[in-house]
Amino acid sequence: MKKCVTFLKKETVLCIAALLSVVSAFFVPPSPEYLDYIDWRVLALLFGLMLVVKGLQSIGLFQYLASGLLSRIRTTRQLCLLLTGLCFFSSMLITNDVALITFVPFAVMVLSLADEKKLMIPVIVLQTIAANLGSMLTPLGNPQNLYLYSAFNVPMGRFLLTMLPLTLLSLFLIAGSAALLPSRKIQAAGPGQVSFPPRLKLACYTFLFLVALCCVLRLLPWPAMLAILILAVLILDRKLFRSVDYCLLLTFVCFFLFIGNMERIPAVSSLISSLLRGRELLLGILLSQVISNVPAAILLSGFTQEVQALMYGVNIGGLGTLIASLASVISFKIYGGSAEASRGKYIRVFTLYSLVFLLVLSAAAALLLRL
């Protein structure tokens, strides 16, 4: 029983998605059509990208690059800008959660070495916001973008141009917030010499990342990509298969089943579509606050064709509450495990920063949608 309670707390969204899919099956009995609900390409891309990015992370590539940059830092302001910038720009390619898993512990270590623990909460909060907002520029940046990009068959150029204005505004807000933090001279803040990743594995994982990117760009069929990645990882490091977030993949499957069943009930589908029409931005933001932005994107996508408003809503919706983006929970857990952590203060600072960003970006998104 204790294990069940622990799992329910850890994977609440998955449990809700599973319950919804089971309940919906009473109204639309299981049939072979269920298989048509599932977007296999999205699942394959998510699985493949997780494997490749975890591989690059396992050989220390991101730590090596960050260490090289830190060797040039002389003030706390430069340090804060670098630590948030790492999350903002890296999340565009390695996803927001991986950026935080990599660079939040790095920030804790560096700030401790520099004897700047007072900056830990605002820096980690800004790193979290930076990862959530930087990731919205590309389909690779987060699961909801990858799903919407695939589900609505959005051209890459259009996707980037759609998200670019909000991304640039986010960069300005994050840089401005980081620049407002105290600036003091510091001694060497780096973690010491970090060795260059093994060249052969680096070349292999870089090649595999390009294979995944070709699939994202629709230049390579997803079955071919999946076969290449699985075979390569079996040879390179089969332990990477354990690092994949299978609960996230299963959450997608459950929501696919629920949405597919709801679409086959005309009265329900018509009601949800009418409620959503013209309110994609608002409902995307609000729904994200309670179930997080990934499931919000999947749920709402089945009942609207206004992809731009939905993209804005679920990406901006990652701000606000701590659970609005599950990536934000990662930062909170990492900080909570550090020495002298003040969880209550962290939540207060996070909520204040996040709500300010949410209000500004929501207003900007509403204006963009009217143009």
Protein backbone atom coordinates (compact mmCIF):
# COMPACT_ATOMS: atom_id res chain seq x y z
CA MET A 1 0.00 0.00 0.00
CA LYS A 2 2.83 2.37 0.88
CA LYS A 3 4.42 1.80 -2.52
CA CYS A 4 1.09 2.57 -4.22
CA VAL A 5 0.73 5.85 -2.31
CA THR A 6 4.32 6.81 -3.18
CA PHE A 7 3.73 6.04 -6.86
CA LEU A 8 0.46 8.01 -6.84
CA LYS A 9 2.22 11.06 -5.40
CA LYS A 10 5.12 10.78 -7.82
CA GLU A 11 3.08 10.08 -10.94
CA THR A 12 -0.19 11.85 -10.21
CA VAL A 13 -0.70 13.00 -13.80
CA LEU A 14 -0.18 9.48 -15.15
CA CYS A 15 -2.71 8.09 -12.67
CA ILE A 16 -5.28 10.73 -13.66
CA ALA A 17 -4.68 10.03 -17.36
CA ALA A 18 -5.05 6.28 -16.80
CA LEU A 19 -8.29 6.78 -14.86
CA LEU A 20 -9.73 9.01 -17.60
CA SER A 21 -8.86 6.50 -20.31
CA VAL A 22 -10.46 3.64 -18.35
CA VAL A 23 -13.65 5.62 -17.66
CA SER A 24 -13.91 6.68 -21.31
CA ALA A 25 -13.68 3.01 -22.35
CA PHE A 26 -17.09 2.40 -20.72
CA PHE A 27 -18.63 4.84 -23.23
CA VAL A 28 -16.57 3.68 -26.23
CA PRO A 29 -15.82 -0.04 -25.85
CA PRO A 30 -12.24 -1.13 -26.66
CA SER A 31 -11.65 -2.02 -30.29
CA PRO A 32 -8.82 -2.15 -32.85
CA GLU A 33 -9.58 1.53 -33.56
CA TYR A 34 -7.89 2.36 -30.27
CA LEU A 35 -4.54 1.83 -31.99
CA ASP A 36 -5.37 4.62 -34.43
CA TYR A 37 -5.69 7.09 -31.56
CA ILE A 38 -2.01 6.85 -30.66
CA ASP A 39 0.51 9.11 -32.37
CA TRP A 40 3.31 6.59 -32.69
CA ARG A 41 5.64 9.12 -34.31
CA VAL A 42 5.49 11.42 -31.27
CA LEU A 43 6.17 8.51 -28.91
CA ALA A 44 9.10 7.34 -31.03
CA LEU A 45 10.59 10.83 -31.17
CA LEU A 46 10.24 11.35 -27.42
CA PHE A 47 11.80 7.98 -26.69
CA GLY A 48 14.64 8.54 -29.16
CA LEU A 49 15.45 12.05 -27.97
CA MET A 50 15.48 10.93 -24.34
CA LEU A 51 17.98 8.19 -25.20
CA VAL A 52 20.31 10.45 -27.18
CA VAL A 53 20.29 13.36 -24.73
CA LYS A 54 20.84 11.01 -21.79
CA GLY A 55 23.78 9.57 -23.73
CA LEU A 56 25.35 13.00 -24.24
CA GLN A 57 24.73 13.75 -20.58
CA SER A 58 26.31 10.47 -19.45
CA ILE A 59 29.63 11.25 -21.14
CA GLY A 60 29.81 14.67 -19.45
CA LEU A 61 29.46 16.87 -22.54
CA PHE A 62 27.27 19.51 -20.90
CA GLN A 63 29.43 19.67 -17.77
CA TYR A 64 32.55 20.11 -19.92
CA LEU A 65 31.04 22.96 -21.94
CA ALA A 66 29.73 24.72 -18.83
CA SER A 67 33.06 24.35 -17.04
CA GLY A 68 34.88 25.98 -19.94
CA LEU A 69 32.53 28.94 -19.86
CA LEU A 70 32.79 29.33 -16.08
CA SER A 71 36.56 29.73 -16.25
CA ARG A 72 35.98 33.21 -17.72
CA ILE A 73 33.60 34.42 -14.99
CA ARG A 74 34.75 37.21 -12.65
CA THR A 75 31.59 38.62 -10.99
CA THR A 76 28.41 37.20 -9.48
CA ARG A 77 26.36 39.02 -12.10
CA GLN A 78 28.25 37.30 -14.90
CA LEU A 79 27.84 34.01 -13.05
CA CYS A 80 24.06 34.45 -12.74
CA LEU A 81 23.72 35.41 -16.39
CA LEU A 82 25.76 32.39 -17.45
CA LEU A 83 23.89 29.88 -15.29
CA THR A 84 20.49 31.09 -16.50
CA GLY A 85 21.72 31.41 -20.08
CA LEU A 86 22.92 27.80 -20.07
CA CYS A 87 19.40 26.64 -19.20
CA PHE A 88 17.70 29.01 -21.63
CA PHE A 89 19.71 28.12 -24.74
CA SER A 90 20.47 24.45 -24.04
CA SER A 91 16.78 23.69 -23.41
CA MET A 92 16.06 24.51 -27.05
CA LEU A 93 17.88 21.33 -28.08
CA ILE A 94 18.09 19.02 -25.05
CA THR A 95 14.63 19.73 -23.53
CA ASN A 96 13.80 21.77 -20.45
CA ASP A 97 13.91 18.91 -17.97
CA VAL A 98 17.34 17.66 -19.10
CA ALA A 99 18.70 21.23 -19.00
CA LEU A 100 17.55 21.55 -15.38
CA ILE A 101 18.77 18.09 -14.36
CA THR A 102 22.17 19.03 -15.77
CA PHE A 103 22.64 22.65 -14.78
CA VAL A 104 20.75 23.11 -11.50
CA PRO A 105 23.07 20.73 -9.58
CA PHE A 106 25.92 22.48 -11.41
CA ALA A 107 24.67 25.85 -10.11
CA VAL A 108 24.38 24.51 -6.55
CA MET A 109 27.98 23.30 -6.71
CA VAL A 110 29.38 26.46 -8.30
CA LEU A 111 27.57 28.87 -5.97
CA SER A 112 28.73 26.87 -2.98
CA LEU A 113 32.35 26.94 -4.19
CA ALA A 114 32.09 30.69 -4.75
CA ASP A 115 30.57 31.15 -1.25
CA GLU A 116 27.45 32.73 -2.77
CA LYS A 117 24.73 30.53 -1.26
CA LYS A 118 22.51 33.59 -0.78
CA LEU A 119 22.07 33.68 -4.56
CA MET A 120 21.05 30.03 -4.80
CA ILE A 121 17.27 30.47 -4.65
CA PRO A 122 16.93 33.39 -7.13
CA VAL A 123 19.43 31.77 -9.52
CA ILE A 124 17.74 28.35 -9.48
CA VAL A 125 14.32 29.99 -9.87
CA LEU A 126 15.58 31.95 -12.89
CA GLN A 127 17.21 28.81 -14.29
CA THR A 128 13.86 27.03 -14.04
CA ILE A 129 11.97 29.83 -15.76
CA ALA A 130 14.72 30.11 -18.36
CA ALA A 131 14.53 26.41 -19.22
CA ASN A 132 10.74 26.50 -19.50
CA LEU A 133 10.77 29.59 -21.72
CA GLY A 134 13.86 28.88 -23.83
CA SER A 135 12.47 25.45 -24.67
CA MET A 136 9.35 26.93 -26.26
CA LEU A 137 11.26 28.09 -29.35
CA THR A 138 11.77 24.65 -30.92
CA PRO A 139 9.85 21.39 -31.30
CA LEU A 140 12.80 19.69 -29.57
CA GLY A 141 12.54 21.93 -26.51
CA ASN A 142 9.77 20.17 -24.60
CA PRO A 143 7.23 17.32 -24.97
CA GLN A 144 4.23 19.58 -25.60
CA ASN A 145 5.97 21.32 -28.49
CA LEU A 146 7.07 18.05 -30.04
CA TYR A 147 3.51 16.76 -29.80
CA LEU A 148 1.84 19.89 -31.23
CA TYR A 149 4.46 20.16 -33.99
CA SER A 150 3.69 16.60 -35.06
CA ALA A 151 -0.06 16.51 -34.41
CA PHE A 152 -0.78 19.68 -36.40
CA ASN A 153 1.95 19.01 -39.00
CA VAL A 154 3.41 22.49 -38.46
CA PRO A 155 6.29 23.41 -40.83
CA MET A 156 9.55 24.00 -38.97
CA GLY A 157 9.96 27.54 -40.28
CA ARG A 158 6.45 28.50 -39.25
CA PHE A 159 6.94 26.97 -35.80
CA LEU A 160 10.13 28.92 -35.15
CA LEU A 161 8.69 32.21 -36.42
CA THR A 162 5.55 31.72 -34.32
CA MET A 163 7.47 31.22 -31.09
CA LEU A 164 10.34 33.65 -31.79
CA PRO A 165 8.70 36.90 -30.50
CA LEU A 166 7.78 35.40 -27.13
CA THR A 167 11.19 33.73 -26.87
CA LEU A 168 13.01 37.03 -27.47
CA LEU A 169 10.81 38.79 -24.92
CA SER A 170 11.51 35.98 -22.46
CA LEU A 171 15.26 36.33 -23.04
CA PHE A 172 15.04 40.06 -22.33
CA LEU A 173 13.05 39.49 -19.12
CA ILE A 174 15.36 36.74 -17.87
CA ALA A 175 18.55 38.68 -18.65
CA GLY A 176 17.09 41.77 -16.98
CA SER A 177 16.09 39.80 -13.88
CA ALA A 178 19.51 38.14 -13.62
CA ALA A 179 21.26 41.49 -14.11
CA LEU A 180 19.33 42.94 -11.15
CA LEU A 181 20.90 40.43 -8.76
CA PRO A 182 23.85 41.70 -6.66
CA SER A 183 27.19 41.95 -8.45
CA ARG A 184 30.34 41.17 -6.50
CA LYS A 185 33.81 40.05 -7.53
CA ILE A 186 34.41 36.35 -7.06
CA GLN A 187 37.38 34.06 -7.21
CA ALA A 188 37.44 31.08 -9.55
CA ALA A 189 33.92 29.63 -9.42
CA GLY A 190 34.51 26.65 -11.63
CA PRO A 191 34.46 23.04 -10.39
CA GLY A 192 38.05 22.48 -11.50
CA GLN A 193 39.34 20.70 -14.55
CA VAL A 194 36.64 18.70 -16.33
CA SER A 195 37.95 16.19 -18.85
CA PHE A 196 36.83 16.19 -22.47
CA PRO A 197 34.19 13.53 -23.21
CA PRO A 198 35.35 10.28 -24.87
CA ARG A 199 35.72 11.21 -28.53
CA LEU A 200 34.30 8.02 -30.01
CA LYS A 201 31.14 8.11 -27.89
CA LEU A 202 30.78 11.86 -28.46
CA ALA A 203 30.90 11.30 -32.23
CA CYS A 204 28.39 8.45 -31.99
CA TYR A 205 25.88 10.33 -29.84
CA THR A 206 26.24 13.45 -32.00
CA PHE A 207 25.45 11.33 -35.06
CA LEU A 208 22.43 9.83 -33.29
CA PHE A 209 21.21 13.30 -32.34
CA LEU A 210 21.40 14.30 -36.02
CA VAL A 211 19.43 11.15 -36.90
CA ALA A 212 16.71 12.19 -34.43
CA LEU A 213 16.78 15.73 -35.80
CA CYS A 214 16.27 14.41 -39.33
CA CYS A 215 13.17 12.60 -38.09
CA VAL A 216 11.88 15.76 -36.41
CA LEU A 217 12.37 17.59 -39.71
CA ARG A 218 10.47 14.77 -41.44
CA LEU A 219 13.50 13.79 -43.52
CA LEU A 220 13.64 10.29 -42.02
CA PRO A 221 10.75 7.94 -41.19
CA TRP A 222 10.32 7.34 -37.47
CA PRO A 223 10.62 3.52 -37.68
CA ALA A 224 14.06 3.92 -39.31
CA MET A 225 15.14 6.43 -36.67
CA LEU A 226 13.94 4.20 -33.86
CA ALA A 227 15.72 1.15 -35.25
CA ILE A 228 19.02 3.03 -35.66
CA LEU A 229 18.87 4.53 -32.16
CA ILE A 230 17.93 1.30 -30.38
CA LEU A 231 20.64 -0.71 -32.15
CA ALA A 232 23.28 1.94 -31.49
CA VAL A 233 22.40 2.36 -27.80
CA LEU A 234 22.44 -1.42 -27.31
CA ILE A 235 26.05 -1.31 -28.49
CA LEU A 236 27.14 1.94 -26.81
CA ASP A 237 25.48 1.84 -23.39
CA ARG A 238 22.38 -0.25 -22.82
CA LYS A 239 21.98 1.18 -19.30
CA LEU A 240 20.56 4.30 -20.98
CA PHE A 241 17.31 2.43 -21.53
CA ARG A 242 16.75 2.59 -17.76
CA SER A 243 16.98 6.39 -17.80
CA VAL A 244 14.04 6.88 -20.18
CA ASP A 245 10.93 8.40 -18.58
CA TYR A 246 8.54 5.58 -19.45
CA CYS A 247 5.85 7.10 -17.22
CA LEU A 248 5.79 10.17 -19.46
CA LEU A 249 5.38 7.96 -22.54
CA LEU A 250 2.58 6.03 -20.85
CA THR A 251 0.91 9.31 -19.86
CA PHE A 252 0.84 10.28 -23.53
CA VAL A 253 -0.73 6.92 -24.45
CA CYS A 254 -3.45 7.28 -21.82
CA PHE A 255 -4.34 10.80 -22.94
CA PHE A 256 -4.38 9.68 -26.59
CA LEU A 257 -6.91 6.98 -25.67
CA PHE A 258 -9.06 9.37 -23.64
CA ILE A 259 -9.11 12.08 -26.34
CA GLY A 260 -9.79 9.53 -29.07
CA ASN A 261 -12.80 8.21 -27.19
CA MET A 262 -14.12 11.69 -26.42
CA GLU A 263 -13.91 12.63 -30.11
CA ARG A 264 -16.12 9.63 -30.93
CA ILE A 265 -18.88 10.91 -28.62
CA PRO A 266 -20.48 13.71 -30.75
CA ALA A 267 -22.21 15.52 -27.88
CA VAL A 268 -19.04 15.67 -25.75
CA SER A 269 -16.79 16.61 -28.65
CA SER A 270 -19.15 19.40 -29.73
CA LEU A 271 -19.45 20.78 -26.18
CA ILE A 272 -15.69 20.87 -25.54
CA SER A 273 -14.99 22.41 -28.95
CA SER A 274 -17.54 25.17 -28.37
CA LEU A 275 -16.15 25.94 -24.91
CA LEU A 276 -12.59 26.05 -26.25
CA ARG A 277 -13.26 28.12 -29.37
CA GLY A 278 -11.53 31.50 -29.07
CA ARG A 279 -10.24 30.67 -25.58
CA GLU A 280 -7.27 28.45 -26.46
CA LEU A 281 -4.73 30.82 -24.93
CA LEU A 282 -6.64 31.33 -21.69
CA LEU A 283 -7.64 27.69 -21.19
CA GLY A 284 -4.17 26.48 -22.13
CA ILE A 285 -2.71 28.66 -19.37
CA LEU A 286 -5.38 27.83 -16.77
CA LEU A 287 -5.45 24.08 -17.38
CA SER A 288 -1.65 23.94 -17.21
CA GLN A 289 -1.77 25.33 -13.67
CA VAL A 290 -3.54 22.24 -12.35
CA ILE A 291 -2.44 19.31 -14.55
CA SER A 292 0.80 20.77 -16.05
CA ASN A 293 1.31 21.93 -19.62
CA VAL A 294 2.12 18.62 -21.34
CA PRO A 295 -1.21 16.89 -20.61
CA ALA A 296 -3.01 20.22 -21.13
CA ALA A 297 -1.60 20.36 -24.68
CA ILE A 298 -2.67 16.80 -25.44
CA LEU A 299 -6.16 17.26 -24.00
CA LEU A 300 -6.96 20.54 -25.74
CA SER A 301 -5.40 19.65 -29.10
CA GLY A 302 -8.18 17.23 -29.97
CA PHE A 303 -10.82 19.95 -29.96
CA THR A 304 -9.30 22.93 -31.78
CA GLN A 305 -7.36 23.84 -34.91
CA GLU A 306 -6.00 27.10 -33.47
CA VAL A 307 -2.50 25.78 -33.02
CA GLN A 308 -0.78 29.16 -32.51
CA ALA A 309 -3.00 30.13 -29.58
CA LEU A 310 -2.66 26.65 -28.11
CA MET A 311 1.15 26.72 -28.47
CA TYR A 312 1.26 30.06 -26.70
CA GLY A 313 -1.11 28.91 -23.96
CA VAL A 314 0.59 25.68 -22.96
CA ASN A 315 4.11 27.12 -23.18
CA ILE A 316 3.35 30.25 -21.17
CA GLY A 317 1.19 28.04 -18.96
CA GLY A 318 4.38 26.39 -17.71
CA LEU A 319 4.73 29.48 -15.52
CA GLY A 320 2.61 30.16 -12.47
CA THR A 321 2.25 27.24 -10.07
CA LEU A 322 5.09 24.86 -9.30
CA ILE A 323 3.27 21.99 -11.02
CA ALA A 324 2.40 23.98 -14.17
CA SER A 325 5.52 22.48 -15.71
CA LEU A 326 6.82 19.19 -14.37
CA ALA A 327 10.32 20.43 -15.18
CA SER A 328 9.86 23.03 -12.42
CA VAL A 329 9.34 20.24 -9.92
CA ILE A 330 12.75 18.84 -10.89
CA SER A 331 14.48 22.07 -9.84
CA PHE A 332 12.55 22.18 -6.58
CA LYS A 333 13.56 18.61 -5.71
CA ILE A 334 17.22 19.26 -6.54
CA TYR A 335 17.28 22.45 -4.46
CA GLY A 336 15.43 20.72 -1.62
CA GLY A 337 18.21 18.14 -1.44
CA SER A 338 20.94 20.76 -1.00
CA ALA A 339 22.42 21.77 2.35
CA GLU A 340 20.50 24.44 4.29
CA ALA A 341 17.62 24.39 1.80
CA SER A 342 14.64 26.63 2.62
CA ARG A 343 11.76 25.08 0.68
CA GLY A 344 9.16 27.58 1.84
CA LYS A 345 11.24 30.54 0.74
CA TYR A 346 11.97 28.85 -2.56
CA ILE A 347 8.25 28.40 -3.30
CA ARG A 348 7.53 32.03 -2.41
CA VAL A 349 10.31 33.38 -4.63
CA PHE A 350 9.43 31.00 -7.45
CA THR A 351 5.75 31.96 -7.35
CA LEU A 352 6.52 35.69 -7.35
CA TYR A 353 8.94 35.54 -10.28
CA SER A 354 6.78 33.07 -12.19
CA LEU A 355 3.57 35.07 -11.85
CA VAL A 356 5.28 38.28 -13.03
CA PHE A 357 6.64 36.49 -16.09
CA LEU A 358 3.26 34.85 -16.68
CA LEU A 359 1.38 38.17 -16.66
CA VAL A 360 3.82 39.92 -19.00
CA LEU A 361 4.03 37.05 -21.49
CA SER A 362 0.26 36.43 -21.43
CA ALA A 363 -0.36 40.06 -22.36
CA ALA A 364 2.25 39.82 -25.14
CA ALA A 365 0.73 36.58 -26.47
CA ALA A 366 -2.78 38.07 -26.51
CA LEU A 367 -1.44 41.04 -28.47
CA LEU A 368 0.37 38.80 -30.97
CA LEU A 369 -2.78 36.79 -31.59
CA ARG A 370 -4.65 39.97 -32.51
CA LEU A 371 -2.08 41.04 -35.12
